[in-house]
Structures are given as structure tokens and as C-alpha cells.
Protein backbone atom coordinates (compact mmCIF):
# COMPACT_ATOMS: atom_id res chain seq x y z
CA MET A 1 -21.45 -0.04 4.69
CA SER A 2 -24.75 -0.19 6.44
CA THR A 3 -27.80 -1.38 4.56
CA ALA A 4 -30.65 0.94 3.70
CA SER A 5 -34.27 0.07 4.20
CA ALA A 6 -36.13 -1.86 1.55
CA PRO A 7 -37.66 0.10 -1.31
CA THR A 8 -41.35 0.83 -1.06
CA ASP A 9 -42.21 -0.95 -4.30
CA GLY A 10 -41.03 -4.25 -2.84
CA SER A 11 -38.34 -4.76 -5.44
CA THR A 12 -35.00 -6.33 -4.68
CA ILE A 13 -31.74 -6.01 -6.56
CA PRO A 14 -31.60 -8.36 -8.26
CA PRO A 15 -35.01 -10.05 -7.83
CA THR A 16 -35.10 -13.62 -6.62
CA LEU A 17 -36.23 -16.31 -9.01
CA LEU A 18 -39.71 -16.17 -7.48
CA SER A 19 -40.10 -12.40 -7.95
CA PRO A 20 -42.59 -11.22 -10.58
CA ASN A 21 -40.00 -9.40 -12.67
CA ALA A 22 -37.18 -11.92 -12.27
CA ALA A 23 -37.33 -13.03 -15.91
CA VAL A 24 -37.31 -9.42 -17.12
CA PHE A 25 -34.34 -8.50 -14.93
CA TRP A 26 -32.16 -11.48 -15.88
CA ALA A 27 -33.09 -11.12 -19.55
CA ALA A 28 -31.91 -7.51 -19.29
CA VAL A 29 -28.61 -8.63 -17.70
CA LEU A 30 -28.05 -11.10 -20.54
CA GLY A 31 -29.05 -8.56 -23.19
CA ILE A 32 -26.67 -5.98 -21.74
CA GLY A 33 -23.81 -8.46 -22.01
CA VAL A 34 -24.62 -9.37 -25.61
CA LEU A 35 -25.13 -5.84 -26.94
CA THR A 36 -22.24 -4.34 -24.97
CA GLY A 37 -19.92 -7.05 -26.26
CA LEU A 38 -20.96 -6.42 -29.86
CA SER A 39 -20.74 -2.63 -29.44
CA THR A 40 -17.33 -2.80 -27.80
CA ALA A 41 -15.96 -5.00 -30.57
CA ALA A 42 -17.15 -2.44 -33.12
CA LEU A 43 -15.76 0.50 -31.12
CA MET A 44 -12.36 -1.13 -30.61
CA GLY A 45 -12.21 -2.01 -34.30
CA LEU A 46 -12.87 1.63 -35.17
CA LEU A 47 -10.26 2.81 -32.66
CA TYR A 48 -7.60 0.49 -34.10
CA LEU A 49 -8.45 1.67 -37.61
CA ILE A 50 -8.13 5.34 -36.67
CA GLN A 51 -4.94 4.82 -34.68
CA HIS A 52 -3.25 2.84 -37.44
CA ARG A 53 -4.24 5.46 -40.00
CA VAL A 54 -2.79 8.42 -38.12
CA TRP A 55 0.05 6.54 -36.35
CA PRO A 56 1.03 3.79 -38.83
CA GLY A 57 2.25 0.67 -37.08
CA PRO A 58 1.14 -1.83 -34.47
CA HIS A 59 2.09 0.39 -31.50
CA ILE A 60 1.43 4.10 -31.11
CA LEU A 61 4.73 4.66 -29.27
CA ASP A 62 6.85 3.16 -32.07
CA ALA A 63 4.88 5.08 -34.69
CA ALA A 64 5.18 8.35 -32.77
CA GLU A 65 8.95 7.93 -32.44
CA ALA A 66 9.19 7.41 -36.19
CA GLN A 67 7.15 10.47 -37.17
CA GLY A 68 8.44 14.01 -37.47
CA PRO A 69 7.39 17.05 -35.39
CA MET A 70 4.92 18.31 -38.00
CA HIS A 71 3.00 15.03 -37.91
CA HIS A 72 2.67 15.27 -34.13
CA MET A 73 1.38 18.83 -34.28
CA VAL A 74 -1.05 18.27 -37.14
CA VAL A 75 -2.61 15.10 -35.69
CA LEU A 76 -3.02 16.41 -32.14
CA THR A 77 -4.27 19.82 -33.24
CA ALA A 78 -6.81 18.09 -35.49
CA ALA A 79 -7.91 16.01 -32.50
CA GLY A 80 -8.41 19.25 -30.57
CA VAL A 81 -10.50 20.77 -33.36
CA LEU A 82 -12.59 17.59 -33.53
CA THR A 83 -13.09 17.65 -29.76
CA GLY A 84 -14.14 21.28 -29.68
CA LEU A 85 -16.60 20.96 -32.56
CA GLY A 86 -17.94 17.69 -31.19
CA GLN A 87 -18.53 19.04 -27.69
CA VAL A 88 -20.33 22.13 -28.98
CA LEU A 89 -22.50 20.06 -31.35
CA LEU A 90 -23.43 17.52 -28.67
CA ARG A 91 -24.43 20.30 -26.27
CA ARG A 92 -26.76 21.75 -28.89
CA LEU A 93 -28.26 18.46 -30.01
CA SER A 94 -28.99 17.01 -26.61
CA SER A 95 -29.44 18.06 -23.01
CA GLY A 96 -30.26 16.13 -19.86
CA ASN A 97 -28.55 14.34 -17.03
CA SER A 98 -24.83 13.74 -16.64
CA ILE A 99 -22.97 11.48 -19.07
CA ASP A 100 -20.62 10.43 -16.24
CA THR A 101 -21.64 6.96 -15.05
CA THR A 102 -20.80 7.49 -11.38
CA GLU A 103 -22.67 10.78 -11.22
CA ALA A 104 -25.64 9.35 -13.10
CA ILE A 105 -25.90 6.42 -10.66
CA ALA A 106 -25.66 8.73 -7.65
CA ASN A 107 -27.91 11.61 -8.70
CA PHE A 108 -30.20 10.31 -11.44
CA ALA A 109 -30.72 6.62 -10.58
CA GLY A 110 -28.44 5.76 -13.50
CA ARG A 111 -30.38 7.70 -16.13
CA MET A 112 -28.17 9.15 -18.87
CA PRO A 113 -29.06 11.12 -22.04
CA ALA A 114 -28.66 8.56 -24.80
CA VAL A 115 -27.77 10.81 -27.75
CA ARG A 116 -25.23 12.90 -25.89
CA THR A 117 -23.65 9.91 -24.14
CA LEU A 118 -23.32 7.86 -27.32
CA GLY A 119 -21.98 10.90 -29.18
CA SER A 120 -19.40 11.48 -26.48
CA ALA A 121 -18.39 7.80 -26.63
CA LEU A 122 -17.87 7.98 -30.40
CA LEU A 123 -15.92 11.22 -30.08
CA SER A 124 -13.73 9.57 -27.44
CA ILE A 125 -12.84 6.75 -29.83
CA PHE A 126 -11.64 9.23 -32.46
CA VAL A 127 -9.56 11.47 -30.18
CA VAL A 128 -8.03 8.63 -28.14
CA GLY A 129 -7.13 6.88 -31.39
CA MET A 130 -5.45 10.10 -32.51
CA GLY A 131 -3.31 10.21 -29.37
CA ALA A 132 -5.19 11.93 -26.53
CA SER A 133 -3.75 10.84 -23.17
CA LEU A 134 -6.90 9.09 -21.94
CA GLY A 135 -8.18 5.53 -21.73
CA ARG A 136 -10.02 3.67 -24.47
CA GLU A 137 -12.43 2.06 -21.98
CA GLY A 138 -14.42 5.27 -21.50
CA ALA A 139 -16.47 4.74 -24.66
CA PRO A 140 -17.47 1.08 -24.04
CA LYS A 141 -18.44 1.96 -20.45
CA GLN A 142 -20.71 4.75 -21.68
CA VAL A 143 -22.28 2.58 -24.36
CA GLY A 144 -22.88 -0.23 -21.85
CA ALA A 145 -24.60 2.23 -19.50
CA VAL A 146 -26.88 3.51 -22.29
CA ILE A 147 -27.79 -0.07 -23.24
CA ALA A 148 -28.60 -0.80 -19.60
CA ASN A 149 -30.88 2.23 -19.43
CA ALA A 150 -32.75 1.07 -22.52
CA PHE A 151 -33.39 -2.35 -20.97
CA ALA A 152 -34.49 -0.76 -17.67
CA ASP A 153 -36.94 1.48 -19.55
CA ARG A 154 -38.37 -1.35 -21.63
CA GLY A 155 -38.68 -3.66 -18.64
CA GLY A 156 -40.22 -1.11 -16.29
CA LEU A 157 -37.57 -1.89 -13.66
CA SER A 158 -37.13 0.04 -10.41
CA ASP A 159 -34.56 2.74 -9.82
CA GLU A 160 -32.48 0.41 -7.65
CA GLN A 161 -32.47 -2.22 -10.39
CA ARG A 162 -31.58 0.46 -12.95
CA ARG A 163 -28.59 1.55 -10.85
CA LEU A 164 -27.33 -2.01 -10.73
CA LEU A 165 -27.91 -2.58 -14.44
CA VAL A 166 -26.06 0.62 -15.37
CA ALA A 167 -23.11 -0.45 -13.22
CA CYS A 168 -23.25 -3.88 -14.90
CA GLY A 169 -23.31 -2.24 -18.33
CA ALA A 170 -20.28 -0.08 -17.55
CA GLY A 171 -18.42 -3.06 -16.07
CA ALA A 172 -19.29 -5.12 -19.15
CA GLY A 173 -17.82 -2.38 -21.34
CA LEU A 174 -14.57 -2.47 -19.39
CA SER A 175 -14.61 -6.27 -19.48
CA ALA A 176 -15.06 -6.41 -23.25
CA ALA A 177 -12.53 -3.66 -23.99
CA TYR A 178 -9.69 -5.36 -22.11
CA GLY A 179 -10.84 -8.98 -21.96
CA VAL A 180 -11.24 -8.97 -18.16
CA PRO A 181 -14.58 -10.62 -17.29
CA LEU A 182 -13.83 -11.14 -13.60
CA GLY A 183 -12.20 -7.77 -13.05
CA GLY A 184 -14.91 -5.96 -15.00
CA ALA A 185 -17.64 -7.55 -12.88
CA LEU A 186 -15.90 -6.73 -9.62
CA PHE A 187 -15.23 -3.18 -10.84
CA ALA A 188 -18.96 -2.73 -11.45
CA VAL A 189 -20.00 -3.60 -7.91
CA GLU A 190 -16.95 -2.55 -5.86
CA VAL A 191 -16.13 0.75 -7.58
CA LEU A 192 -19.37 1.88 -9.25
CA ARG A 193 -21.84 0.53 -6.67
CA GLY A 194 -19.45 0.75 -3.74
CA VAL A 195 -20.46 -2.50 -2.05
CA LEU A 196 -19.68 -6.20 -2.37
CA GLN A 197 -22.67 -8.51 -2.01
CA LEU A 198 -23.38 -11.81 -3.73
CA ARG A 199 -26.73 -10.70 -5.15
CA LEU A 200 -25.00 -7.75 -6.83
CA ILE A 201 -21.99 -9.70 -8.06
CA LEU A 202 -23.96 -12.40 -9.89
CA PRO A 203 -25.62 -10.08 -12.45
CA ALA A 204 -22.31 -8.27 -12.96
CA LEU A 205 -20.51 -11.58 -13.53
CA LEU A 206 -23.04 -12.70 -16.13
CA SER A 207 -23.07 -9.44 -18.10
CA SER A 208 -19.26 -9.07 -18.02
CA ALA A 209 -18.63 -12.70 -18.97
CA VAL A 210 -21.05 -12.54 -21.90
CA ALA A 211 -19.64 -9.19 -23.10
CA ALA A 212 -16.04 -10.41 -22.95
CA GLY A 213 -16.92 -13.69 -24.65
CA ILE A 214 -18.65 -11.95 -27.55
CA ALA A 215 -15.89 -9.34 -27.90
CA TRP A 216 -13.32 -12.17 -28.11
CA LEU A 217 -14.98 -13.30 -31.35
CA ALA A 218 -13.56 -10.15 -32.98
CA LEU A 219 -10.80 -8.95 -30.64
CA PRO A 220 -7.62 -10.78 -29.60
CA ASN A 221 -8.11 -13.16 -26.66
CA GLU A 222 -4.71 -12.59 -25.13
CA PRO A 223 -3.18 -10.68 -22.19
CA THR A 224 -2.93 -6.92 -22.62
CA TYR A 225 0.58 -6.89 -21.15
CA VAL A 226 3.22 -9.51 -21.97
CA LEU A 227 5.61 -9.94 -19.05
CA PRO A 228 8.66 -12.01 -18.19
CA ARG A 229 8.44 -14.42 -15.28
CA TYR A 230 9.42 -12.79 -11.99
CA SER A 231 10.44 -14.68 -8.86
CA LEU A 232 9.19 -13.82 -5.41
CA SER A 233 11.88 -12.65 -2.96
CA GLY A 234 12.12 -11.14 0.48
CA ALA A 235 13.36 -7.88 -1.01
CA ILE A 236 10.25 -7.35 -3.14
CA VAL A 237 7.99 -8.23 -0.20
CA TRP A 238 9.65 -5.64 2.05
CA TRP A 239 9.66 -3.14 -0.81
CA SER A 240 5.90 -3.58 -1.20
CA VAL A 241 5.30 -2.95 2.49
CA LEU A 242 7.34 0.26 2.38
CA ALA A 243 6.19 1.45 -1.06
CA GLY A 244 2.44 0.99 -0.49
CA PRO A 245 1.95 4.06 1.76
CA ILE A 246 4.17 6.18 -0.50
CA ILE A 247 2.07 5.18 -3.50
CA GLY A 248 -1.03 6.04 -1.45
CA VAL A 249 0.20 9.59 -0.91
CA PHE A 250 1.10 9.91 -4.59
CA SER A 251 -2.34 8.63 -5.58
CA VAL A 252 -4.05 11.33 -3.50
CA ALA A 253 -2.01 13.95 -5.34
CA PHE A 254 -3.15 12.39 -8.63
CA ILE A 255 -6.80 12.32 -7.51
CA ARG A 256 -6.66 15.98 -6.51
CA LEU A 257 -5.01 16.86 -9.80
CA VAL A 258 -7.86 15.16 -11.61
CA ALA A 259 -10.33 17.03 -9.38
CA PHE A 260 -8.69 20.32 -10.37
CA GLY A 261 -8.97 19.45 -14.04
CA ASP A 262 -12.60 18.41 -13.69
CA ARG A 263 -13.54 21.62 -11.84
CA HIS A 264 -11.98 23.76 -14.55
CA LYS A 265 -13.54 22.19 -17.61
CA PRO A 266 -14.29 24.83 -20.25
CA THR A 267 -17.65 26.53 -20.62
CA GLY A 268 -19.08 28.76 -23.32
CA ALA A 269 -16.77 29.56 -26.22
CA LEU A 270 -13.84 27.91 -24.43
CA ARG A 271 -15.41 24.52 -25.19
CA LEU A 272 -14.37 25.11 -28.79
CA TRP A 273 -10.92 26.65 -28.34
CA LEU A 274 -9.42 25.14 -25.19
CA PRO A 275 -9.26 21.55 -26.56
CA VAL A 276 -7.40 22.86 -29.63
CA ALA A 277 -4.81 24.67 -27.51
CA SER A 278 -4.46 21.81 -25.01
CA LEU A 279 -4.01 19.04 -27.55
CA ALA A 280 -1.64 21.20 -29.61
CA LEU A 281 0.44 21.57 -26.44
CA LEU A 282 0.32 17.80 -25.95
CA GLY A 283 1.46 17.40 -29.55
CA ALA A 284 4.43 19.68 -28.91
CA LEU A 285 5.40 17.78 -25.76
CA SER A 286 5.04 14.46 -27.56
CA ILE A 287 7.77 15.43 -30.02
CA VAL A 288 10.26 15.00 -27.18
CA PHE A 289 8.23 12.57 -25.08
CA PRO A 290 6.15 10.36 -27.41
CA GLN A 291 5.30 8.20 -24.36
CA LEU A 292 2.68 10.80 -23.45
CA LEU A 293 0.45 9.85 -26.37
CA GLY A 294 -2.41 7.41 -26.01
CA ASN A 295 -3.64 5.63 -22.92
CA GLY A 296 -0.19 4.64 -21.67
CA LYS A 297 -0.31 0.93 -22.52
CA ASP A 298 3.01 0.91 -24.38
CA VAL A 299 5.00 2.80 -21.75
CA ALA A 300 3.45 0.72 -18.94
CA GLU A 301 4.59 -2.47 -20.65
CA LEU A 302 8.08 -1.03 -21.03
CA ALA A 303 8.10 -0.21 -17.31
CA PHE A 304 6.92 -3.75 -16.50
CA THR A 305 9.92 -5.10 -18.38
CA ALA A 306 12.40 -2.55 -16.92
CA GLN A 307 13.05 -0.88 -20.28
CA VAL A 308 12.60 2.74 -19.18
CA ALA A 309 15.68 4.66 -18.05
CA PRO A 310 15.57 6.00 -14.47
CA LEU A 311 15.67 9.68 -15.48
CA LEU A 312 12.88 9.12 -18.01
CA LEU A 313 10.83 7.35 -15.33
CA LEU A 314 11.12 10.45 -13.16
CA VAL A 315 10.14 12.82 -15.97
CA LEU A 316 7.21 10.69 -17.12
CA CYS A 317 5.94 10.29 -13.54
CA LEU A 318 5.34 14.03 -13.64
CA LEU A 319 4.34 14.52 -17.26
CA LYS A 320 1.99 11.56 -17.83
CA PRO A 321 -0.58 12.53 -15.14
CA LEU A 322 -0.28 16.17 -16.22
CA ALA A 323 -0.96 15.16 -19.84
CA THR A 324 -4.01 13.16 -18.74
CA VAL A 325 -5.40 16.05 -16.70
CA LEU A 326 -4.61 18.48 -19.53
CA CYS A 327 -6.86 16.41 -21.80
CA LEU A 328 -9.54 15.86 -19.16
CA GLY A 329 -9.62 19.50 -18.08
CA SER A 330 -10.01 20.76 -21.65
CA GLY A 331 -13.12 18.63 -22.18
CA VAL A 332 -11.59 15.73 -24.11
CA PRO A 333 -13.73 12.60 -23.46
CA GLY A 334 -12.02 9.38 -22.42
CA GLY A 335 -11.29 6.99 -19.59
CA LEU A 336 -8.98 7.25 -16.59
CA PHE A 337 -8.38 3.54 -15.97
CA THR A 338 -5.34 2.90 -18.18
CA PRO A 339 -3.70 6.30 -17.58
CA SER A 340 -3.91 5.60 -13.83
CA LEU A 341 -2.38 2.16 -14.36
CA ALA A 342 0.41 3.61 -16.50
CA THR A 343 1.15 6.32 -13.95
CA GLY A 344 1.35 3.69 -11.22
CA ALA A 345 3.71 1.60 -13.34
CA LEU A 346 6.03 4.58 -13.85
CA PHE A 347 5.99 5.56 -10.19
CA GLY A 348 6.43 1.98 -9.00
CA GLY A 349 9.34 1.54 -11.38
CA LEU A 350 10.92 4.75 -10.06
CA LEU A 351 10.56 3.56 -6.46
CA GLY A 352 12.11 0.26 -7.56
CA VAL A 353 15.12 2.08 -8.97
CA VAL A 354 15.55 3.95 -5.68
CA ALA A 355 15.21 0.67 -3.75
CA SER A 356 17.91 -0.94 -5.90
CA TRP A 357 20.44 1.31 -4.17
CA TRP A 358 19.82 -0.70 -0.99
CA TRP A 359 18.68 -3.99 -2.53
CA PRO A 360 20.85 -4.55 -5.62
CA GLY A 361 19.15 -6.85 -8.07
CA ILE A 362 15.58 -6.10 -7.00
CA PRO A 363 13.43 -6.48 -10.15
CA THR A 364 12.36 -2.94 -11.01
CA GLY A 365 9.90 -4.32 -13.59
CA LEU A 366 8.09 -6.21 -10.84
CA CYS A 367 8.11 -3.03 -8.75
CA ALA A 368 6.41 -1.26 -11.67
CA LEU A 369 3.79 -4.02 -11.88
CA VAL A 370 3.04 -3.87 -8.16
CA GLY A 371 3.00 -0.06 -8.30
CA ALA A 372 0.45 -0.12 -11.12
CA GLY A 373 -1.93 -2.30 -9.12
CA ALA A 374 -1.43 -0.29 -5.94
CA LEU A 375 -2.05 3.10 -7.55
CA LEU A 376 -5.03 1.72 -9.45
CA ALA A 377 -6.52 0.44 -6.18
CA ALA A 378 -5.81 3.67 -4.32
CA THR A 379 -7.30 5.92 -7.02
CA THR A 380 -10.42 3.82 -7.62
CA HIS A 381 -10.87 2.68 -3.98
CA GLY A 382 -11.33 -0.79 -5.45
CA PRO A 383 -8.58 -3.01 -3.99
CA LEU A 384 -10.08 -6.38 -4.91
CA SER A 385 -11.06 -5.40 -8.43
CA SER A 386 -7.64 -3.83 -9.03
CA ILE A 387 -5.75 -6.97 -8.00
CA LEU A 388 -7.99 -9.14 -10.13
CA LEU A 389 -7.71 -6.77 -13.08
CA MET A 390 -3.91 -6.90 -12.91
CA LEU A 391 -4.04 -10.69 -12.92
CA GLU A 392 -6.28 -10.77 -15.98
CA LEU A 393 -4.48 -7.99 -17.85
CA THR A 394 -1.13 -9.75 -17.49
CA GLY A 395 -2.34 -13.36 -17.64
CA ARG A 396 0.25 -14.15 -14.99
CA ASP A 397 0.28 -16.77 -12.25
CA ARG A 398 0.33 -16.11 -8.51
CA SER A 399 3.98 -14.99 -8.35
CA PHE A 400 3.23 -11.33 -7.66
CA ILE A 401 0.07 -11.75 -5.57
CA LEU A 402 1.68 -11.38 -2.14
CA PRO A 403 3.66 -8.18 -2.84
CA MET A 404 0.73 -6.66 -4.74
CA VAL A 405 -1.73 -7.36 -1.90
CA LEU A 406 0.64 -5.78 0.61
CA ALA A 407 1.18 -2.69 -1.55
CA VAL A 408 -2.53 -2.38 -2.40
CA VAL A 409 -3.54 -2.49 1.27
CA GLY A 410 -0.96 0.12 2.28
CA ALA A 411 -1.77 2.44 -0.62
CA THR A 412 -5.55 2.19 -0.27
CA VAL A 413 -5.58 2.73 3.49
CA ILE A 414 -3.46 5.87 3.16
CA ALA A 415 -5.48 7.16 0.19
CA ARG A 416 -8.85 6.68 1.92
CA THR A 417 -7.49 8.27 5.09
CA LEU A 418 -6.27 11.38 3.30
CA ASP A 419 -9.15 11.76 0.84
CA GLU A 420 -12.46 9.88 0.81
CA ARG A 421 -12.95 10.48 -2.90
CA SER A 422 -11.90 8.09 -5.62
CA ILE A 423 -10.81 9.20 -9.06
CA TYR A 424 -14.42 8.72 -10.18
CA ASP A 425 -15.88 10.81 -7.31
CA VAL A 426 -13.86 13.98 -7.73
CA ARG A 427 -16.71 15.95 -9.30
CA PHE A 428 -18.79 15.69 -6.10
CA SER A 429 -18.99 18.24 -3.28
CA ASP A 430 -19.15 17.09 0.36
CA ARG A 431 -22.96 17.10 0.26
CA GLN A 432 -23.00 15.21 -3.04
CA MET A 433 -20.54 12.68 -1.61
CA GLN A 434 -23.07 11.92 1.12
CA THR A 435 -25.72 11.43 -1.56
CA LEU A 436 -23.35 9.16 -3.46
CA GLN A 437 -22.70 7.03 -0.39
CA ARG A 438 -26.44 6.64 0.19
CA ALA A 439 -26.98 5.72 -3.47
CA ARG A 440 -24.30 3.03 -3.21
CA ARG A 441 -26.09 1.26 -0.38
CA PRO A 442 -28.13 -1.60 -1.83
CA ALA A 443 -31.74 -1.97 -0.85
CA ALA A 444 -32.46 -4.77 1.63
CA VAL A 445 -34.21 -7.92 0.50
């Protein structure tokens, strides 16, 4: 991307050590990391408590398989009622700018209404814990962004510095939620700010590292996904080259499905009733397909270890993204990161099964892992952050780096060629996309 002209107030992002507000800026970066880490630990603790109360057991998938149809319907319908009441109440209590981080950075210099954003984050924790098909990282990202805004206000920082701090806060929330300090930092600058520069990466690294370190005091410091050791082979390399573009096309369909859901979010009285109907429908579907509940972590791990039957892979490739968009389109708050990863795992595993007809013995679990990284990269338009996130989430060595890089490049090139929007940009019109691109250009030093 080209670089915009320097801001008229002479600020840089971040300021150099000799700048007048350098101490204020770096203190804000450190404070964002500390408070986001503490907040995320509290939010994740609350989510685990809620989930284990309504779905008794260590894993939501196992608990859902053990519960009867009535339990599914009651819990998901209750989540819909809670969503509807919560959305109506938050609208009445607070108004202001968008609570979406990407939109706030693009259109409002990162400013977000604190009460409404924090209320939405708390509501997200409850409904995701109850089984909504959305990611748990949405709430920590929102809280991190609100914390960043508070520091920018108190420090009298410029709009450009506020944009960077809000991206750092959201990245720190992702980092603390999943224990991914490097991936969270790169996500902040590559996906949310749309540019990779050293002066932007350093603040993001500090805030994400501090947030993850503090969260680890209360949350498990272990990989999110436990995988067997896979060996690199020529078959998986060629599969990655061929599968990447296919995953890119599939990712564009997913992005456009999310765009449809976002455009048709309920207004007026439908804010109260549509979440009830949508989550009740999800509850009914989950009786037969419990894999649809939650953010998709459990089913992704099963795909990574080749424990999902081929026919079920095909069905879930269709139903999981539909379940996510059903929740999103009805106004249920939550993240898209883990559902995208889970969808990529299912689709990659399915492509691996198809490839096994020509390459017997190809590890379909490794295909699922590569597919998850490729679809994540193609939907976020963040290839580097996606690869790094997959490394941190799995805690694995370099064995899958080559096939994942090949698939990520193929998928991302096709996705960006067919649709310039990422999964976080779908709410923008063509004119707003131009504004977003301008907002993502860092000011020159």
C-alpha cells in the first residue's frame, strides 16, 4: 500500500523515543496489555463456568451428544431470548458509533461506545457459552478496543495513534483468549490495520505479549489443538498446491454468505424475536448434528485427527457456515475467527478424502489442518498472521509449514482476486471500502 502524507499535528504512529508524547503512548500500550489480559482471563473464566453449567463436561460436543433433545431446545431457545432482550436493552441504554472494531477504525478513528460495546461483549460470553455457533474471541477483542479508547482519551493521543491502539487492544484480546501472542500481534497490524510496518508491529507485539502472559496466570498455557505428528510428503505438497485455489473459491462463498447475514440483521421488533427463532432452529439442528454448537473447536480437532466420517464432513461443510451466519444474521454477538478455522478444517478434510482416491494414504488430518490455515488466511486476507496463528494454536514444529504456505498463497490470491473484502469488511459498501483502505494507510514519519 502507498503511504499517506504525515498528519498535520506532527504525530507519528507510534512516536519515536524523542517525541513529546512517547512516554504516554508506550505507557498506554503497556496498560492495554495488562488490562486486556486481566479482562480476558475473567471473561474466559465466566464463559467456561456458563458452558459447564449448561453443557456439563469438559467439551461441549461430548456434553451435547449426551443430552436429550429437550435440553438442546431449552438451552438454545433461552440463549435466543437472552440475545433478543440484551440487544434491545443495549440499544436503549447507549447509542453512538459502531461496536465493530474494523468499522470503528475505518469510520470513527477507532472510537467505540463503551457501554454498548462492553454490554455486547458480556452478552457474547453468555450466548457463546450456551452454544451459539460463534467465536469466543469476539468479547475479548471488544473489551481490548474499549480499553485502548480509554487510554487514548486520557493521554490526549491523535486519531492515528488511537487507530493503532484500538487494533493493538483487539489483537491483545485475541492473543489472551487463545494464548497466541505472536499471531495476535500480527493479526492486529495485518488484518485490522491492513499494513505491515515495524513501527506498527512493535506496539502490537508488546500489548499482545503482555496480555497473553497475564492471561496465562489464570488460563491454561497449552496448545488449543492437540495433534499427532504428521510427516511431510510429496503427496501433501502437491495436494496443497491444487487445494489452495479451491479453498480460495470456497472462502469467497463463505465471505459472501457472511455479508448476506450482516446485511439482513434484524431491526425494530425483529431484534427481540429473530434471535429466539434462529437459535431455536440451531437447537433443533444440533439434536442431530451436535457439532454445530459452539465455536467449532471440538469438531476442528476431530478433523485434524481424521476422526470425522467423510459423509459427515460433507454435511458439516455446508451446515457449520450456515449455522454461523444464522447466528450472526439474527444479531447474536460473537467472533468469526474460530468458526472460519473450523469450516476450513472441515473443507480441507473433505478435499483430503477426495484426494485419497488418487493418493492412498495421504493424511486427511493434515489436509484438514492445512485447509484451516488456508481458509482462515483467505477470509481474513491475513496470510502471515494465519500461518503464525496455526503454529501457535497447535504448538507444532515446522512439519506442515511448506504445504500450509503453498495452500495459503493459492487460497488468498484467488480470494482477493474474486472479492476484495475480507470477512471483517463485509459490512462496507464500495465507497466505504475506499475509506477503509485510506484509514489503513499509516501516516508517514
